[in-house]
C-alpha cells in the first residue's frame, strides 16, 4: 500500500512537470515571434524613413 502511494505521488509529479514544461514552451515561441516582428518593424521604419 505504501508503494502504491509513493508511485502515485511520483506519477502526478511527473505529469505536473510535463504540463508546466509544455505550457512554458508554448509561451516562448510567442514571445520570440513578437521580438522578430519588432525587429522587422524597426528595419522597415529605418528603410522607408531614409535610415541615414
C-alpha atoms as a PDB file:
ATOM      1  CA  UNK A   1       0.000   0.000   0.000  1.00  0.00           C
ATOM      2  CA  UNK A   2       2.845   2.385   0.812  1.00  0.00           C
ATOM      3  CA  UNK A   3       4.476   1.671  -2.562  1.00  0.00           C
ATOM      4  CA  UNK A   4       1.195   2.477  -4.289  1.00  0.00           C
ATOM      5  CA  UNK A   5       1.023   5.887  -2.585  1.00  0.00           C
ATOM      6  CA  UNK A   6       4.669   6.644  -3.414  1.00  0.00           C
ATOM      7  CA  UNK A   7       4.107   5.567  -7.020  1.00  0.00           C
ATOM      8  CA  UNK A   8       1.051   7.796  -7.358  1.00  0.00           C
ATOM      9  CA  UNK A   9       2.979  10.782  -5.927  1.00  0.00           C
ATOM     10  CA  UNK A  10       5.807  10.237  -8.421  1.00  0.00           C
ATOM     11  CA  UNK A  11       3.321   9.795 -11.269  1.00  0.00           C
ATOM     12  CA  UNK A  12       1.489  13.035 -10.526  1.00  0.00           C
ATOM     13  CA  UNK A  13       4.794  14.877 -10.058  1.00  0.00           C
ATOM     14  CA  UNK A  14       5.984  13.780 -13.488  1.00  0.00           C
ATOM     15  CA  UNK A  15       2.672  14.728 -15.115  1.00  0.00           C
ATOM     16  CA  UNK A  16       2.746  18.131 -13.411  1.00  0.00           C
ATOM     17  CA  UNK A  17       6.299  18.854 -14.575  1.00  0.00           C
ATOM     18  CA  UNK A  18       5.450  17.822 -18.136  1.00  0.00           C
ATOM     19  CA  UNK A  19       2.439  20.129 -18.189  1.00  0.00           C
ATOM     20  CA  UNK A  20       4.492  23.042 -16.847  1.00  0.00           C
ATOM     21  CA  UNK A  21       7.216  22.443 -19.433  1.00  0.00           C
ATOM     22  CA  UNK A  22       4.679  22.260 -22.261  1.00  0.00           C
ATOM     23  CA  UNK A  23       2.935  25.483 -21.201  1.00  0.00           C
ATOM     24  CA  UNK A  24       6.240  27.377 -20.910  1.00  0.00           C
ATOM     25  CA  UNK A  25       7.365  26.030 -24.274  1.00  0.00           C
ATOM     26  CA  UNK A  26       4.080  27.205 -25.721  1.00  0.00           C
ATOM     27  CA  UNK A  27       4.610  30.756 -24.442  1.00  0.00           C
ATOM     28  CA  UNK A  28       8.232  31.113 -25.560  1.00  0.00           C
ATOM     29  CA  UNK A  29       7.630  30.985 -29.351  1.00  0.00           C
ATOM     30  CA  UNK A  30       5.010  33.711 -28.972  1.00  0.00           C
ATOM     31  CA  UNK A  31       7.492  35.989 -27.214  1.00  0.00           C
ATOM     32  CA  UNK A  32      10.151  35.143 -29.784  1.00  0.00           C
ATOM     33  CA  UNK A  33       7.748  35.874 -32.627  1.00  0.00           C
ATOM     34  CA  UNK A  34       6.908  39.270 -31.096  1.00  0.00           C
ATOM     35  CA  UNK A  35      10.616  40.088 -30.864  1.00  0.00           C
ATOM     36  CA  UNK A  36      11.122  39.186 -34.533  1.00  0.00           C
ATOM     37  CA  UNK A  37       8.145  41.326 -35.554  1.00  0.00           C
ATOM     38  CA  UNK A  38       9.512  44.272 -33.565  1.00  0.00           C
ATOM     39  CA  UNK A  39      12.919  43.939 -35.231  1.00  0.00           C
ATOM     40  CA  UNK A  40      11.283  43.793 -38.663  1.00  0.00           C
ATOM     41  CA  UNK A  41       9.228  46.887 -37.839  1.00  0.00           C
ATOM     42  CA  UNK A  42      12.366  48.803 -36.844  1.00  0.00           C
ATOM     43  CA  UNK A  43      14.123  47.728 -40.053  1.00  0.00           C
ATOM     44  CA  UNK A  44      11.145  48.751 -42.162  1.00  0.00           C
ATOM     45  CA  UNK A  45      10.830  52.152 -40.478  1.00  0.00           C
ATOM     46  CA  UNK A  46      14.525  52.874 -40.980  1.00  0.00           C
ATOM     47  CA  UNK A  47      14.315  51.675 -44.605  1.00  0.00           C
ATOM     48  CA  UNK A  48      11.273  53.744 -45.514  1.00  0.00           C
ATOM     49  CA  UNK A  49      12.300  56.698 -43.353  1.00  0.00           C
ATOM     50  CA  UNK A  50      15.641  57.167 -45.064  1.00  0.00           C
ATOM     51  CA  UNK A  51      17.640  55.455 -42.347  1.00  0.00           C
ATOM     52  CA  UNK A  52      20.557  57.901 -42.504  1.00  0.00           C
END
